[in-house]
């Protein structure tokens, strides 16, 4: 099974390399956030909008841990949400925003997309407008690829103080609660 996952991942990486090699005439689209690809050290972390360059039904699920399976679109949504809500925060601050969404998914049984786009919950109006920064890539690596979780089960965060639930801790400019 691990061999199959490695082959699928290699195919995704190959697709990204092919798309990246299309030509510099498309580079302005990458900077505007309609598509993005980013390389992280020797491991490729793909953060892209699958529907922009690969039909969604052909994007395989990526098995990153024994606990969770994420699609490329879900990883892209989490990355964009972390940028929308915490782009000025360090990697841990962005990882905590991502963990908050995943904790809500676990608590409510809803999908990542349902939690992110729930009315009035997150700053979704700017999703798709960000090029991931170094902290964002590190946050994705920590949470998605390494199952990092120091969130203490938080399901809320706010930049203006504790507003809902039991206060847990403050990190950077955000207050996290449960």
C-alpha atoms as a PDB file:
ATOM      1  CA  UNK A   1       0.000   0.000   0.000  1.00  0.00           C
ATOM      2  CA  UNK A   2       2.824   2.389   0.852  1.00  0.00           C
ATOM      3  CA  UNK A   3       4.342   1.702  -2.578  1.00  0.00           C
ATOM      4  CA  UNK A   4       1.062   2.705  -4.268  1.00  0.00           C
ATOM      5  CA  UNK A   5       0.904   5.925  -2.230  1.00  0.00           C
ATOM      6  CA  UNK A   6       4.493   6.750  -3.220  1.00  0.00           C
ATOM      7  CA  UNK A   7       3.660   6.204  -6.896  1.00  0.00           C
ATOM      8  CA  UNK A   8       0.572   8.420  -6.645  1.00  0.00           C
ATOM      9  CA  UNK A   9       2.587  11.118  -4.903  1.00  0.00           C
ATOM     10  CA  UNK A  10       5.290  10.885  -7.583  1.00  0.00           C
ATOM     11  CA  UNK A  11       2.626  11.326 -10.274  1.00  0.00           C
ATOM     12  CA  UNK A  12       1.304  14.420  -8.526  1.00  0.00           C
ATOM     13  CA  UNK A  13       4.819  15.843  -8.293  1.00  0.00           C
ATOM     14  CA  UNK A  14       5.430  15.071 -11.957  1.00  0.00           C
ATOM     15  CA  UNK A  15       2.177  16.826 -12.880  1.00  0.00           C
ATOM     16  CA  UNK A  16       3.245  19.879 -10.894  1.00  0.00           C
ATOM     17  CA  UNK A  17       6.642  19.944 -12.594  1.00  0.00           C
ATOM     18  CA  UNK A  18       5.016  19.703 -16.025  1.00  0.00           C
ATOM     19  CA  UNK A  19       2.580  22.495 -15.186  1.00  0.00           C
ATOM     20  CA  UNK A  20       5.401  24.638 -13.792  1.00  0.00           C
ATOM     21  CA  UNK A  21       7.358  24.113 -16.988  1.00  0.00           C
ATOM     22  CA  UNK A  22       4.599  25.363 -19.277  1.00  0.00           C
ATOM     23  CA  UNK A  23       6.395  28.641 -19.672  1.00  0.00           C
ATOM     24  CA  UNK A  24       7.157  31.951 -18.106  1.00  0.00           C
ATOM     25  CA  UNK A  25       4.280  33.594 -19.970  1.00  0.00           C
ATOM     26  CA  UNK A  26       1.987  32.198 -17.277  1.00  0.00           C
ATOM     27  CA  UNK A  27       4.103  33.428 -14.356  1.00  0.00           C
ATOM     28  CA  UNK A  28       1.843  36.442 -13.807  1.00  0.00           C
ATOM     29  CA  UNK A  29      -0.994  34.048 -12.956  1.00  0.00           C
ATOM     30  CA  UNK A  30       1.094  32.433 -10.226  1.00  0.00           C
ATOM     31  CA  UNK A  31       1.793  35.782  -8.585  1.00  0.00           C
ATOM     32  CA  UNK A  32      -1.907  36.683  -8.630  1.00  0.00           C
ATOM     33  CA  UNK A  33      -2.802  33.572  -6.642  1.00  0.00           C
ATOM     34  CA  UNK A  34      -4.881  31.767  -9.256  1.00  0.00           C
ATOM     35  CA  UNK A  35      -2.377  28.913  -9.270  1.00  0.00           C
ATOM     36  CA  UNK A  36       0.598  28.185  -7.132  1.00  0.00           C
ATOM     37  CA  UNK A  37       3.231  25.580  -6.646  1.00  0.00           C
ATOM     38  CA  UNK A  38       5.926  25.645  -4.055  1.00  0.00           C
ATOM     39  CA  UNK A  39       8.875  23.447  -3.358  1.00  0.00           C
ATOM     40  CA  UNK A  40       9.834  22.832   0.272  1.00  0.00           C
ATOM     41  CA  UNK A  41      13.346  21.499   0.862  1.00  0.00           C
ATOM     42  CA  UNK A  42      13.656  18.099  -0.826  1.00  0.00           C
ATOM     43  CA  UNK A  43      10.012  17.255  -0.269  1.00  0.00           C
ATOM     44  CA  UNK A  44       7.450  18.857  -2.540  1.00  0.00           C
ATOM     45  CA  UNK A  45       4.446  20.372  -0.877  1.00  0.00           C
ATOM     46  CA  UNK A  46       1.825  21.059  -3.487  1.00  0.00           C
ATOM     47  CA  UNK A  47      -0.488  23.933  -2.690  1.00  0.00           C
ATOM     48  CA  UNK A  48      -2.602  24.583  -5.715  1.00  0.00           C
ATOM     49  CA  UNK A  49      -6.130  24.964  -6.958  1.00  0.00           C
ATOM     50  CA  UNK A  50      -6.716  21.543  -8.528  1.00  0.00           C
ATOM     51  CA  UNK A  51      -9.630  22.703 -10.669  1.00  0.00           C
ATOM     52  CA  UNK A  52      -7.335  25.256 -12.324  1.00  0.00           C
ATOM     53  CA  UNK A  53      -5.050  22.685 -13.910  1.00  0.00           C
ATOM     54  CA  UNK A  54      -6.248  19.168 -13.113  1.00  0.00           C
ATOM     55  CA  UNK A  55      -9.862  17.987 -13.184  1.00  0.00           C
ATOM     56  CA  UNK A  56     -10.895  17.480  -9.511  1.00  0.00           C
ATOM     57  CA  UNK A  57     -11.966  13.891 -10.124  1.00  0.00           C
ATOM     58  CA  UNK A  58      -8.415  13.012 -11.177  1.00  0.00           C
ATOM     59  CA  UNK A  59      -6.763  14.448  -8.057  1.00  0.00           C
ATOM     60  CA  UNK A  60      -6.056  11.468  -5.817  1.00  0.00           C
ATOM     61  CA  UNK A  61      -6.406  11.550  -2.071  1.00  0.00           C
ATOM     62  CA  UNK A  62      -3.097  11.820  -0.294  1.00  0.00           C
ATOM     63  CA  UNK A  63      -2.619   9.500   2.675  1.00  0.00           C
ATOM     64  CA  UNK A  64      -0.327  11.440   4.936  1.00  0.00           C
ATOM     65  CA  UNK A  65      -0.861   9.743   8.250  1.00  0.00           C
ATOM     66  CA  UNK A  66      -2.604   6.809   9.782  1.00  0.00           C
ATOM     67  CA  UNK A  67      -5.214   9.183  11.153  1.00  0.00           C
ATOM     68  CA  UNK A  68      -6.375  11.343   8.254  1.00  0.00           C
ATOM     69  CA  UNK A  69      -6.614  11.523   4.494  1.00  0.00           C
ATOM     70  CA  UNK A  70      -6.583  14.914   2.777  1.00  0.00           C
ATOM     71  CA  UNK A  71      -7.271  15.849  -0.830  1.00  0.00           C
ATOM     72  CA  UNK A  72      -5.150  18.465  -2.592  1.00  0.00           C
ATOM     73  CA  UNK A  73      -8.132  20.823  -2.536  1.00  0.00           C
ATOM     74  CA  UNK A  74      -8.471  20.442   1.246  1.00  0.00           C
ATOM     75  CA  UNK A  75      -4.761  21.176   1.722  1.00  0.00           C
ATOM     76  CA  UNK A  76      -5.100  24.211  -0.542  1.00  0.00           C
ATOM     77  CA  UNK A  77      -8.140  25.454   1.424  1.00  0.00           C
ATOM     78  CA  UNK A  78      -6.343  25.038   4.754  1.00  0.00           C
ATOM     79  CA  UNK A  79      -3.292  26.859   3.401  1.00  0.00           C
ATOM     80  CA  UNK A  80      -5.377  29.735   2.048  1.00  0.00           C
ATOM     81  CA  UNK A  81      -7.417  30.027   5.252  1.00  0.00           C
ATOM     82  CA  UNK A  82      -4.251  30.174   7.365  1.00  0.00           C
ATOM     83  CA  UNK A  83      -2.976  32.961   5.114  1.00  0.00           C
ATOM     84  CA  UNK A  84      -6.310  34.822   5.265  1.00  0.00           C
ATOM     85  CA  UNK A  85      -6.569  34.580   9.057  1.00  0.00           C
ATOM     86  CA  UNK A  86      -2.941  34.563  10.213  1.00  0.00           C
ATOM     87  CA  UNK A  87      -0.589  35.582   7.403  1.00  0.00           C
ATOM     88  CA  UNK A  88       1.460  37.762   9.791  1.00  0.00           C
ATOM     89  CA  UNK A  89       1.885  34.962  12.331  1.00  0.00           C
ATOM     90  CA  UNK A  90       4.751  32.511  12.659  1.00  0.00           C
ATOM     91  CA  UNK A  91       4.441  28.893  11.508  1.00  0.00           C
ATOM     92  CA  UNK A  92       3.005  27.768  14.849  1.00  0.00           C
ATOM     93  CA  UNK A  93       0.374  30.524  14.719  1.00  0.00           C
ATOM     94  CA  UNK A  94      -0.710  29.436  11.239  1.00  0.00           C
ATOM     95  CA  UNK A  95      -0.583  25.769  12.263  1.00  0.00           C
ATOM     96  CA  UNK A  96      -2.898  26.557  15.184  1.00  0.00           C
ATOM     97  CA  UNK A  97      -5.435  28.094  12.780  1.00  0.00           C
ATOM     98  CA  UNK A  98      -5.281  24.931  10.650  1.00  0.00           C
ATOM     99  CA  UNK A  99      -5.631  22.711  13.745  1.00  0.00           C
ATOM    100  CA  UNK A 100      -8.656  24.764  14.844  1.00  0.00           C
ATOM    101  CA  UNK A 101     -10.409  23.868  11.577  1.00  0.00           C
ATOM    102  CA  UNK A 102      -9.441  20.190  11.868  1.00  0.00           C
ATOM    103  CA  UNK A 103     -10.575  20.089  15.507  1.00  0.00           C
ATOM    104  CA  UNK A 104     -13.951  21.505  14.450  1.00  0.00           C
ATOM    105  CA  UNK A 105     -14.197  18.858  11.740  1.00  0.00           C
ATOM    106  CA  UNK A 106     -13.613  16.143  14.338  1.00  0.00           C
ATOM    107  CA  UNK A 107     -16.096  17.667  16.779  1.00  0.00           C
ATOM    108  CA  UNK A 108     -18.913  18.340  14.281  1.00  0.00           C
ATOM    109  CA  UNK A 109     -18.368  15.561  11.743  1.00  0.00           C
ATOM    110  CA  UNK A 110     -18.328  18.154   8.962  1.00  0.00           C
ATOM    111  CA  UNK A 111     -15.862  18.312   6.100  1.00  0.00           C
ATOM    112  CA  UNK A 112     -13.009  20.819   5.930  1.00  0.00           C
ATOM    113  CA  UNK A 113     -14.864  22.757   3.243  1.00  0.00           C
ATOM    114  CA  UNK A 114     -18.088  22.835   5.282  1.00  0.00           C
ATOM    115  CA  UNK A 115     -16.261  24.101   8.368  1.00  0.00           C
ATOM    116  CA  UNK A 116     -14.281  26.757   6.481  1.00  0.00           C
ATOM    117  CA  UNK A 117     -17.273  28.073   4.544  1.00  0.00           C
ATOM    118  CA  UNK A 118     -19.753  27.963   7.450  1.00  0.00           C
ATOM    119  CA  UNK A 119     -21.503  31.316   7.515  1.00  0.00           C
ATOM    120  CA  UNK A 120     -19.719  33.969   9.561  1.00  0.00           C
ATOM    121  CA  UNK A 121     -16.922  31.728  10.816  1.00  0.00           C
ATOM    122  CA  UNK A 122     -13.795  32.624   8.856  1.00  0.00           C
ATOM    123  CA  UNK A 123     -12.432  35.258   6.458  1.00  0.00           C
ATOM    124  CA  UNK A 124     -13.263  33.307   3.303  1.00  0.00           C
ATOM    125  CA  UNK A 125     -13.694  36.309   1.018  1.00  0.00           C
ATOM    126  CA  UNK A 126      -9.974  36.410   0.304  1.00  0.00           C
ATOM    127  CA  UNK A 127      -9.361  32.677  -0.182  1.00  0.00           C
ATOM    128  CA  UNK A 128      -7.499  32.184  -3.439  1.00  0.00           C
ATOM    129  CA  UNK A 129      -5.654  35.497  -3.264  1.00  0.00           C
ATOM    130  CA  UNK A 130      -2.529  34.395  -1.419  1.00  0.00           C
ATOM    131  CA  UNK A 131       0.827  33.007  -2.428  1.00  0.00           C
ATOM    132  CA  UNK A 132       1.923  30.804   0.488  1.00  0.00           C
ATOM    133  CA  UNK A 133       4.783  32.272   2.489  1.00  0.00           C
ATOM    134  CA  UNK A 134       7.529  30.365   4.311  1.00  0.00           C
ATOM    135  CA  UNK A 135       5.556  30.225   7.575  1.00  0.00           C
ATOM    136  CA  UNK A 136       2.490  28.926   5.747  1.00  0.00           C
ATOM    137  CA  UNK A 137       4.440  26.109   4.120  1.00  0.00           C
ATOM    138  CA  UNK A 138       5.989  25.190   7.450  1.00  0.00           C
ATOM    139  CA  UNK A 139       2.518  25.159   9.077  1.00  0.00           C
ATOM    140  CA  UNK A 140       1.160  22.853   6.351  1.00  0.00           C
ATOM    141  CA  UNK A 141       4.170  20.563   6.763  1.00  0.00           C
ATOM    142  CA  UNK A 142       3.763  20.468  10.536  1.00  0.00           C
ATOM    143  CA  UNK A 143       0.038  19.746  10.619  1.00  0.00           C
ATOM    144  CA  UNK A 144      -0.609  17.772   7.446  1.00  0.00           C
ATOM    145  CA  UNK A 145       2.626  15.863   6.977  1.00  0.00           C
ATOM    146  CA  UNK A 146       3.723  15.405  10.600  1.00  0.00           C
ATOM    147  CA  UNK A 147       0.373  15.305  12.497  1.00  0.00           C
ATOM    148  CA  UNK A 148       1.542  18.179  14.732  1.00  0.00           C
ATOM    149  CA  UNK A 149      -1.045  19.086  17.338  1.00  0.00           C
ATOM    150  CA  UNK A 150      -0.351  21.365  20.266  1.00  0.00           C
ATOM    151  CA  UNK A 151      -3.776  22.985  19.957  1.00  0.00           C
ATOM    152  CA  UNK A 152      -5.159  21.568  23.210  1.00  0.00           C
ATOM    153  CA  UNK A 153      -8.338  20.817  21.242  1.00  0.00           C
ATOM    154  CA  UNK A 154      -9.128  24.461  20.462  1.00  0.00           C
ATOM    155  CA  UNK A 155     -12.135  25.055  18.238  1.00  0.00           C
ATOM    156  CA  UNK A 156     -12.218  28.870  18.326  1.00  0.00           C
ATOM    157  CA  UNK A 157      -9.730  31.667  17.860  1.00  0.00           C
ATOM    158  CA  UNK A 158     -10.092  35.412  17.857  1.00  0.00           C
ATOM    159  CA  UNK A 159      -7.693  38.318  17.407  1.00  0.00           C
ATOM    160  CA  UNK A 160      -9.587  40.518  19.889  1.00  0.00           C
ATOM    161  CA  UNK A 161      -9.559  38.314  22.998  1.00  0.00           C
ATOM    162  CA  UNK A 162     -11.414  35.272  24.213  1.00  0.00           C
ATOM    163  CA  UNK A 163     -14.949  35.373  22.838  1.00  0.00           C
ATOM    164  CA  UNK A 164     -16.339  31.830  22.904  1.00  0.00           C
ATOM    165  CA  UNK A 165     -15.753  28.697  24.921  1.00  0.00           C
ATOM    166  CA  UNK A 166     -13.191  28.006  27.618  1.00  0.00           C
ATOM    167  CA  UNK A 167     -10.035  30.146  27.241  1.00  0.00           C
ATOM    168  CA  UNK A 168      -6.957  28.013  26.561  1.00  0.00           C
ATOM    169  CA  UNK A 169      -3.981  30.150  25.523  1.00  0.00           C
ATOM    170  CA  UNK A 170      -2.763  33.084  23.461  1.00  0.00           C
ATOM    171  CA  UNK A 171      -0.258  32.683  20.639  1.00  0.00           C
ATOM    172  CA  UNK A 172       0.936  35.661  18.644  1.00  0.00           C
ATOM    173  CA  UNK A 173      -2.053  37.869  17.948  1.00  0.00           C
ATOM    174  CA  UNK A 174      -4.721  35.178  18.487  1.00  0.00           C
ATOM    175  CA  UNK A 175      -6.584  33.889  21.514  1.00  0.00           C
ATOM    176  CA  UNK A 176      -7.551  30.207  21.339  1.00  0.00           C
ATOM    177  CA  UNK A 177     -10.419  28.583  23.214  1.00  0.00           C
ATOM    178  CA  UNK A 178     -12.391  25.347  23.408  1.00  0.00           C
END
